[in-house]
């Protein structure tokens, strides 16, 4: 399964607004995407609530995984971006 580890770019981490933007983008994809922090169980990237349960702060490493490499790249790019700007 393709995966990519990226660092959280948003100043507030993966909190409400960034989580909602990522979840909306993941829901629009034709592939299931998961996010995981520090070897913890992965969560569904199309759920803002589950993304927030990761507790990922700015600069934390997040593993993005999916069966679709393009979906991984799309969501990884959002995780790296400052979505609160």
PDB file of N, CA and C in Angstrom:
ATOM      1  N   UNK A   1       0.849  -1.177   0.000  1.00  0.00           N
ATOM      2  CA  UNK A   1       0.000   0.000   0.000  1.00  0.00           C
ATOM      3  C   UNK A   1       0.895   1.242   0.000  1.00  0.00           C
ATOM      4  N   UNK A   2       0.704   2.130  -0.956  1.00  0.00           N
ATOM      5  CA  UNK A   2       1.499   3.357  -0.997  1.00  0.00           C
ATOM      6  C   UNK A   2       1.263   4.216   0.251  1.00  0.00           C
ATOM      7  N   UNK A   3       2.341   4.813   0.728  1.00  0.00           N
ATOM      8  CA  UNK A   3       2.217   5.736   1.850  1.00  0.00           C
ATOM      9  C   UNK A   3       3.311   6.789   1.755  1.00  0.00           C
ATOM     10  N   UNK A   4       3.100   7.860   2.490  1.00  0.00           N
ATOM     11  CA  UNK A   4       4.060   8.960   2.489  1.00  0.00           C
ATOM     12  C   UNK A   4       3.996   9.612   3.867  1.00  0.00           C
ATOM     13  N   UNK A   5       5.136   9.901   4.448  1.00  0.00           N
ATOM     14  CA  UNK A   5       5.173  10.577   5.736  1.00  0.00           C
ATOM     15  C   UNK A   5       5.526  12.045   5.503  1.00  0.00           C
ATOM     16  N   UNK A   6       4.669  12.921   6.039  1.00  0.00           N
ATOM     17  CA  UNK A   6       4.845  14.370   5.875  1.00  0.00           C
ATOM     18  C   UNK A   6       4.689  15.045   7.232  1.00  0.00           C
ATOM     19  N   UNK A   7       5.139  16.286   7.318  1.00  0.00           N
ATOM     20  CA  UNK A   7       5.006  17.058   8.548  1.00  0.00           C
ATOM     21  C   UNK A   7       3.828  18.022   8.438  1.00  0.00           C
ATOM     22  N   UNK A   8       3.084  18.153   9.538  1.00  0.00           N
ATOM     23  CA  UNK A   8       1.923  19.036   9.583  1.00  0.00           C
ATOM     24  C   UNK A   8       2.377  20.479   9.395  1.00  0.00           C
ATOM     25  N   UNK A   9       1.742  21.183   8.454  1.00  0.00           N
ATOM     26  CA  UNK A   9       2.124  22.558   8.157  1.00  0.00           C
ATOM     27  C   UNK A   9       1.277  23.612   8.839  1.00  0.00           C
ATOM     28  N   UNK A  10       0.077  23.280   9.257  1.00  0.00           N
ATOM     29  CA  UNK A  10      -0.808  24.271   9.872  1.00  0.00           C
ATOM     30  C   UNK A  10      -0.336  24.641  11.266  1.00  0.00           C
ATOM     31  N   UNK A  11      -0.364  25.941  11.568  1.00  0.00           N
ATOM     32  CA  UNK A  11       0.104  26.445  12.855  1.00  0.00           C
ATOM     33  C   UNK A  11      -0.669  25.842  14.026  1.00  0.00           C
ATOM     34  N   UNK A  12      -1.943  25.526  13.822  1.00  0.00           N
ATOM     35  CA  UNK A  12      -2.767  24.951  14.898  1.00  0.00           C
ATOM     36  C   UNK A  12      -2.766  23.434  14.857  1.00  0.00           C
ATOM     37  N   UNK A  13      -1.966  22.849  13.980  1.00  0.00           N
ATOM     38  CA  UNK A  13      -1.964  21.397  13.829  1.00  0.00           C
ATOM     39  C   UNK A  13      -3.198  20.945  13.071  1.00  0.00           C
ATOM     40  N   UNK A  14      -3.538  19.668  13.209  1.00  0.00           N
ATOM     41  CA  UNK A  14      -4.705  19.142  12.497  1.00  0.00           C
ATOM     42  C   UNK A  14      -5.938  19.324  13.374  1.00  0.00           C
ATOM     43  N   UNK A  15      -6.307  20.596  13.578  1.00  0.00           N
ATOM     44  CA  UNK A  15      -7.481  20.918  14.383  1.00  0.00           C
ATOM     45  C   UNK A  15      -8.651  21.204  13.459  1.00  0.00           C
ATOM     46  N   UNK A  16      -9.688  21.833  13.934  1.00  0.00           N
ATOM     47  CA  UNK A  16     -10.982  21.939  13.251  1.00  0.00           C
ATOM     48  C   UNK A  16     -10.917  22.330  11.770  1.00  0.00           C
ATOM     49  N   UNK A  17     -10.402  23.499  11.464  1.00  0.00           N
ATOM     50  CA  UNK A  17     -10.417  23.959  10.067  1.00  0.00           C
ATOM     51  C   UNK A  17      -9.550  23.085   9.157  1.00  0.00           C
ATOM     52  N   UNK A  18      -8.278  22.863   9.499  1.00  0.00           N
ATOM     53  CA  UNK A  18      -7.469  21.991   8.636  1.00  0.00           C
ATOM     54  C   UNK A  18      -8.063  20.586   8.504  1.00  0.00           C
ATOM     55  N   UNK A  19      -8.572  20.037   9.602  1.00  0.00           N
ATOM     56  CA  UNK A  19      -9.157  18.693   9.561  1.00  0.00           C
ATOM     57  C   UNK A  19     -10.367  18.653   8.633  1.00  0.00           C
ATOM     58  N   UNK A  20     -11.184  19.705   8.666  1.00  0.00           N
ATOM     59  CA  UNK A  20     -12.377  19.757   7.807  1.00  0.00           C
ATOM     60  C   UNK A  20     -11.982  19.843   6.334  1.00  0.00           C
ATOM     61  N   UNK A  21     -10.964  20.630   6.029  1.00  0.00           N
ATOM     62  CA  UNK A  21     -10.507  20.773   4.634  1.00  0.00           C
ATOM     63  C   UNK A  21      -9.954  19.444   4.125  1.00  0.00           C
ATOM     64  N   UNK A  22      -9.142  18.783   4.941  1.00  0.00           N
ATOM     65  CA  UNK A  22      -8.563  17.492   4.550  1.00  0.00           C
ATOM     66  C   UNK A  22      -9.660  16.442   4.386  1.00  0.00           C
ATOM     67  N   UNK A  23     -10.602  16.394   5.326  1.00  0.00           N
ATOM     68  CA  UNK A  23     -11.680  15.408   5.272  1.00  0.00           C
ATOM     69  C   UNK A  23     -12.555  15.597   4.033  1.00  0.00           C
ATOM     70  N   UNK A  24     -12.842  16.838   3.698  1.00  0.00           N
ATOM     71  CA  UNK A  24     -13.658  17.112   2.508  1.00  0.00           C
ATOM     72  C   UNK A  24     -12.940  16.646   1.247  1.00  0.00           C
ATOM     73  N   UNK A  25     -11.648  16.928   1.164  1.00  0.00           N
ATOM     74  CA  UNK A  25     -10.859  16.508  -0.002  1.00  0.00           C
ATOM     75  C   UNK A  25     -10.802  14.983  -0.079  1.00  0.00           C
ATOM     76  N   UNK A  26     -10.603  14.315   1.065  1.00  0.00           N
ATOM     77  CA  UNK A  26     -10.518  12.851   1.082  1.00  0.00           C
ATOM     78  C   UNK A  26     -11.844  12.218   0.687  1.00  0.00           C
ATOM     79  N   UNK A  27     -12.949  12.819   1.111  1.00  0.00           N
ATOM     80  CA  UNK A  27     -14.275  12.285   0.776  1.00  0.00           C
ATOM     81  C   UNK A  27     -14.553  12.386  -0.721  1.00  0.00           C
ATOM     82  N   UNK A  28     -13.946  13.372  -1.374  1.00  0.00           N
ATOM     83  CA  UNK A  28     -14.151  13.567  -2.815  1.00  0.00           C
ATOM     84  C   UNK A  28     -13.315  12.615  -3.670  1.00  0.00           C
ATOM     85  N   UNK A  29     -12.371  11.904  -3.061  1.00  0.00           N
ATOM     86  CA  UNK A  29     -11.518  10.981  -3.808  1.00  0.00           C
ATOM     87  C   UNK A  29     -12.215   9.638  -4.006  1.00  0.00           C
ATOM     88  N   UNK A  30     -11.767   8.898  -5.005  1.00  0.00           N
ATOM     89  CA  UNK A  30     -12.321   7.570  -5.283  1.00  0.00           C
ATOM     90  C   UNK A  30     -11.571   6.472  -4.551  1.00  0.00           C
ATOM     91  N   UNK A  31     -10.815   6.840  -3.522  1.00  0.00           N
ATOM     92  CA  UNK A  31     -10.020   5.856  -2.777  1.00  0.00           C
ATOM     93  C   UNK A  31     -10.098   6.173  -1.288  1.00  0.00           C
ATOM     94  N   UNK A  32      -9.990   5.126  -0.477  1.00  0.00           N
ATOM     95  CA  UNK A  32      -9.938   5.327   0.973  1.00  0.00           C
ATOM     96  C   UNK A  32      -8.532   5.762   1.349  1.00  0.00           C
ATOM     97  N   UNK A  33      -8.447   6.792   2.187  1.00  0.00           N
ATOM     98  CA  UNK A  33      -7.163   7.321   2.633  1.00  0.00           C
ATOM     99  C   UNK A  33      -7.152   7.300   4.161  1.00  0.00           C
ATOM    100  N   UNK A  34      -6.025   6.906   4.745  1.00  0.00           N
ATOM    101  CA  UNK A  34      -5.908   6.921   6.201  1.00  0.00           C
ATOM    102  C   UNK A  34      -4.732   7.794   6.621  1.00  0.00           C
ATOM    103  N   UNK A  35      -4.820   8.289   7.855  1.00  0.00           N
ATOM    104  CA  UNK A  35      -3.750   9.078   8.453  1.00  0.00           C
ATOM    105  C   UNK A  35      -3.354   8.428   9.769  1.00  0.00           C
ATOM    106  N   UNK A  36      -2.065   8.443  10.080  1.00  0.00           N
ATOM    107  CA  UNK A  36      -1.592   7.880  11.348  1.00  0.00           C
ATOM    108  C   UNK A  36      -0.440   8.725  11.872  1.00  0.00           C
ATOM    109  N   UNK A  37      -0.326   8.780  13.208  1.00  0.00           N
ATOM    110  CA  UNK A  37       0.745   9.519  13.875  1.00  0.00           C
ATOM    111  C   UNK A  37       1.486   8.559  14.800  1.00  0.00           C
ATOM    112  N   UNK A  38       2.796   8.553  14.685  1.00  0.00           N
ATOM    113  CA  UNK A  38       3.635   7.815  15.609  1.00  0.00           C
ATOM    114  C   UNK A  38       3.317   6.348  15.799  1.00  0.00           C
ATOM    115  N   UNK A  39       2.952   5.660  14.747  1.00  0.00           N
ATOM    116  CA  UNK A  39       2.691   4.236  14.842  1.00  0.00           C
ATOM    117  C   UNK A  39       1.344   3.881  15.461  1.00  0.00           C
ATOM    118  N   UNK A  40       0.530   4.896  15.799  1.00  0.00           N
ATOM    119  CA  UNK A  40      -0.810   4.630  16.325  1.00  0.00           C
ATOM    120  C   UNK A  40      -1.698   4.080  15.212  1.00  0.00           C
ATOM    121  N   UNK A  41      -2.873   3.594  15.597  1.00  0.00           N
ATOM    122  CA  UNK A  41      -3.812   3.078  14.607  1.00  0.00           C
ATOM    123  C   UNK A  41      -4.207   4.178  13.626  1.00  0.00           C
ATOM    124  N   UNK A  42      -4.295   3.850  12.339  1.00  0.00           N
ATOM    125  CA  UNK A  42      -4.691   4.854  11.348  1.00  0.00           C
ATOM    126  C   UNK A  42      -6.168   5.199  11.471  1.00  0.00           C
ATOM    127  N   UNK A  43      -6.497   6.429  11.058  1.00  0.00           N
ATOM    128  CA  UNK A  43      -7.888   6.875  11.055  1.00  0.00           C
ATOM    129  C   UNK A  43      -8.307   7.238   9.636  1.00  0.00           C
ATOM    130  N   UNK A  44      -9.591   7.200   9.385  1.00  0.00           N
ATOM    131  CA  UNK A  44     -10.164   7.538   8.088  1.00  0.00           C
ATOM    132  C   UNK A  44      -9.991   9.032   7.824  1.00  0.00           C
ATOM    133  N   UNK A  45      -9.311   9.376   6.748  1.00  0.00           N
ATOM    134  CA  UNK A  45      -9.037  10.778   6.429  1.00  0.00           C
ATOM    135  C   UNK A  45     -10.272  11.540   5.970  1.00  0.00           C
ATOM    136  N   UNK A  46     -11.384  10.841   5.707  1.00  0.00           N
ATOM    137  CA  UNK A  46     -12.597  11.556   5.284  1.00  0.00           C
ATOM    138  C   UNK A  46     -13.452  11.978   6.482  1.00  0.00           C
ATOM    139  N   UNK A  47     -12.949  11.770   7.696  1.00  0.00           N
ATOM    140  CA  UNK A  47     -13.667  12.169   8.910  1.00  0.00           C
ATOM    141  C   UNK A  47     -12.866  13.224   9.667  1.00  0.00           C
ATOM    142  N   UNK A  48     -13.380  14.459   9.699  1.00  0.00           N
ATOM    143  CA  UNK A  48     -12.688  15.541  10.404  1.00  0.00           C
ATOM    144  C   UNK A  48     -12.543  15.202  11.890  1.00  0.00           C
ATOM    145  N   UNK A  49     -13.557  14.612  12.479  1.00  0.00           N
ATOM    146  CA  UNK A  49     -13.508  14.268  13.898  1.00  0.00           C
ATOM    147  C   UNK A  49     -12.386  13.265  14.180  1.00  0.00           C
ATOM    148  N   UNK A  50     -12.273  12.240  13.330  1.00  0.00           N
ATOM    149  CA  UNK A  50     -11.210  11.252  13.522  1.00  0.00           C
ATOM    150  C   UNK A  50      -9.830  11.870  13.313  1.00  0.00           C
ATOM    151  N   UNK A  51      -9.705  12.776  12.351  1.00  0.00           N
ATOM    152  CA  UNK A  51      -8.428  13.451  12.124  1.00  0.00           C
ATOM    153  C   UNK A  51      -8.021  14.227  13.380  1.00  0.00           C
ATOM    154  N   UNK A  52      -8.978  14.908  14.004  1.00  0.00           N
ATOM    155  CA  UNK A  52      -8.667  15.686  15.204  1.00  0.00           C
ATOM    156  C   UNK A  52      -8.245  14.791  16.369  1.00  0.00           C
ATOM    157  N   UNK A  53      -8.722  13.544  16.400  1.00  0.00           N
ATOM    158  CA  UNK A  53      -8.342  12.638  17.491  1.00  0.00           C
ATOM    159  C   UNK A  53      -6.868  12.246  17.423  1.00  0.00           C
ATOM    160  N   UNK A  54      -6.218  12.477  16.283  1.00  0.00           N
ATOM    161  CA  UNK A  54      -4.795  12.179  16.166  1.00  0.00           C
ATOM    162  C   UNK A  54      -3.958  13.073  17.077  1.00  0.00           C
ATOM    163  N   UNK A  55      -4.458  14.277  17.330  1.00  0.00           N
ATOM    164  CA  UNK A  55      -3.721  15.218  18.166  1.00  0.00           C
ATOM    165  C   UNK A  55      -2.434  15.703  17.543  1.00  0.00           C
ATOM    166  N   UNK A  56      -2.375  15.721  16.224  1.00  0.00           N
ATOM    167  CA  UNK A  56      -1.149  16.124  15.526  1.00  0.00           C
ATOM    168  C   UNK A  56      -0.980  17.636  15.551  1.00  0.00           C
ATOM    169  N   UNK A  57       0.174  18.076  16.032  1.00  0.00           N
ATOM    170  CA  UNK A  57       0.493  19.503  16.075  1.00  0.00           C
ATOM    171  C   UNK A  57       1.401  19.895  14.928  1.00  0.00           C
ATOM    172  N   UNK A  58       1.661  21.201  14.834  1.00  0.00           N
ATOM    173  CA  UNK A  58       2.531  21.708  13.769  1.00  0.00           C
ATOM    174  C   UNK A  58       3.881  20.994  13.828  1.00  0.00           C
ATOM    175  N   UNK A  59       4.327  20.503  12.681  1.00  0.00           N
ATOM    176  CA  UNK A  59       5.619  19.848  12.573  1.00  0.00           C
ATOM    177  C   UNK A  59       5.611  18.361  12.886  1.00  0.00           C
ATOM    178  N   UNK A  60       4.497  17.840  13.430  1.00  0.00           N
ATOM    179  CA  UNK A  60       4.419  16.407  13.720  1.00  0.00           C
ATOM    180  C   UNK A  60       4.387  15.598  12.428  1.00  0.00           C
ATOM    181  N   UNK A  61       5.000  14.423  12.464  1.00  0.00           N
ATOM    182  CA  UNK A  61       5.013  13.534  11.301  1.00  0.00           C
ATOM    183  C   UNK A  61       3.700  12.757  11.231  1.00  0.00           C
ATOM    184  N   UNK A  62       3.095  12.763  10.040  1.00  0.00           N
ATOM    185  CA  UNK A  62       1.837  12.052   9.797  1.00  0.00           C
ATOM    186  C   UNK A  62       2.042  11.137   8.591  1.00  0.00           C
ATOM    187  N   UNK A  63       1.652   9.874   8.745  1.00  0.00           N
ATOM    188  CA  UNK A  63       1.746   8.933   7.624  1.00  0.00           C
ATOM    189  C   UNK A  63       0.416   8.896   6.896  1.00  0.00           C
ATOM    190  N   UNK A  64       0.451   9.188   5.608  1.00  0.00           N
ATOM    191  CA  UNK A  64      -0.734   9.168   4.748  1.00  0.00           C
ATOM    192  C   UNK A  64      -0.670   7.895   3.915  1.00  0.00           C
ATOM    193  N   UNK A  65      -1.737   7.078   3.945  1.00  0.00           N
ATOM    194  CA  UNK A  65      -1.731   5.800   3.221  1.00  0.00           C
ATOM    195  C   UNK A  65      -3.010   5.617   2.430  1.00  0.00           C
ATOM    196  N   UNK A  66      -2.894   4.914   1.301  1.00  0.00           N
ATOM    197  CA  UNK A  66      -4.034   4.589   0.451  1.00  0.00           C
ATOM    198  C   UNK A  66      -3.571   3.567  -0.590  1.00  0.00           C
ATOM    199  N   UNK A  67      -4.531   2.909  -1.212  1.00  0.00           N
ATOM    200  CA  UNK A  67      -4.199   2.016  -2.322  1.00  0.00           C
ATOM    201  C   UNK A  67      -3.896   2.808  -3.590  1.00  0.00           C
ATOM    202  N   UNK A  68      -4.224   4.105  -3.583  1.00  0.00           N
ATOM    203  CA  UNK A  68      -4.081   4.974  -4.749  1.00  0.00           C
ATOM    204  C   UNK A  68      -2.983   6.019  -4.479  1.00  0.00           C
ATOM    205  N   UNK A  69      -1.880   5.936  -5.208  1.00  0.00           N
ATOM    206  CA  UNK A  69      -0.754   6.858  -4.993  1.00  0.00           C
ATOM    207  C   UNK A  69      -1.169   8.306  -5.185  1.00  0.00           C
ATOM    208  N   UNK A  70      -2.033   8.585  -6.143  1.00  0.00           N
ATOM    209  CA  UNK A  70      -2.450   9.963  -6.377  1.00  0.00           C
ATOM    210  C   UNK A  70      -3.260  10.500  -5.210  1.00  0.00           C
ATOM    211  N   UNK A  71      -4.049   9.641  -4.556  1.00  0.00           N
ATOM    212  CA  UNK A  71      -4.803  10.046  -3.363  1.00  0.00           C
ATOM    213  C   UNK A  71      -3.845  10.355  -2.223  1.00  0.00           C
ATOM    214  N   UNK A  72      -2.801   9.537  -2.067  1.00  0.00           N
ATOM    215  CA  UNK A  72      -1.781   9.784  -1.050  1.00  0.00           C
ATOM    216  C   UNK A  72      -1.140  11.146  -1.284  1.00  0.00           C
ATOM    217  N   UNK A  73      -0.757  11.417  -2.519  1.00  0.00           N
ATOM    218  CA  UNK A  73      -0.095  12.682  -2.853  1.00  0.00           C
ATOM    219  C   UNK A  73      -1.006  13.881  -2.594  1.00  0.00           C
ATOM    220  N   UNK A  74      -2.285  13.748  -2.941  1.00  0.00           N
ATOM    221  CA  UNK A  74      -3.249  14.839  -2.754  1.00  0.00           C
ATOM    222  C   UNK A  74      -3.418  15.178  -1.277  1.00  0.00           C
ATOM    223  N   UNK A  75      -3.649  14.175  -0.456  1.00  0.00           N
ATOM    224  CA  UNK A  75      -3.885  14.417   0.970  1.00  0.00           C
ATOM    225  C   UNK A  75      -2.585  14.817   1.675  1.00  0.00           C
ATOM    226  N   UNK A  76      -1.472  14.219   1.301  1.00  0.00           N
ATOM    227  CA  UNK A  76      -0.181  14.583   1.896  1.00  0.00           C
ATOM    228  C   UNK A  76       0.129  16.061   1.650  1.00  0.00           C
ATOM    229  N   UNK A  77      -0.181  16.552   0.462  1.00  0.00           N
ATOM    230  CA  UNK A  77       0.061  17.954   0.135  1.00  0.00           C
ATOM    231  C   UNK A  77      -0.768  18.870   1.039  1.00  0.00           C
ATOM    232  N   UNK A  78      -1.999  18.454   1.351  1.00  0.00           N
ATOM    233  CA  UNK A  78      -2.847  19.266   2.242  1.00  0.00           C
ATOM    234  C   UNK A  78      -2.327  19.233   3.669  1.00  0.00           C
ATOM    235  N   UNK A  79      -1.870  18.091   4.127  1.00  0.00           N
ATOM    236  CA  UNK A  79      -1.346  17.977   5.496  1.00  0.00           C
ATOM    237  C   UNK A  79      -0.134  18.896   5.654  1.00  0.00           C
ATOM    238  N   UNK A  80       0.713  18.983   4.617  1.00  0.00           N
ATOM    239  CA  UNK A  80       1.921  19.801   4.669  1.00  0.00           C
ATOM    240  C   UNK A  80       1.654  21.307   4.581  1.00  0.00           C
ATOM    241  N   UNK A  81       0.499  21.668   4.051  1.00  0.00           N
ATOM    242  CA  UNK A  81       0.180  23.074   3.795  1.00  0.00           C
ATOM    243  C   UNK A  81      -0.378  23.746   5.055  1.00  0.00           C
ATOM    244  N   UNK A  82      -0.132  25.051   5.207  1.00  0.00           N
ATOM    245  CA  UNK A  82      -0.721  25.797   6.311  1.00  0.00           C
ATOM    246  C   UNK A  82      -2.154  26.158   5.918  1.00  0.00           C
ATOM    247  N   UNK A  83      -3.095  25.336   6.361  1.00  0.00           N
ATOM    248  CA  UNK A  83      -4.499  25.506   5.966  1.00  0.00           C
ATOM    249  C   UNK A  83      -5.232  26.544   6.806  1.00  0.00           C
ATOM    250  N   UNK A  84      -4.538  27.170   7.738  1.00  0.00           N
ATOM    251  CA  UNK A  84      -5.147  28.234   8.535  1.00  0.00           C
ATOM    252  C   UNK A  84      -4.772  29.619   8.020  1.00  0.00           C
ATOM    253  N   UNK A  85      -3.909  29.657   7.020  1.00  0.00           N
ATOM    254  CA  UNK A  85      -3.439  30.949   6.495  1.00  0.00           C
ATOM    255  C   UNK A  85      -4.524  31.671   5.720  1.00  0.00           C
TER     256      UNK A  85
END
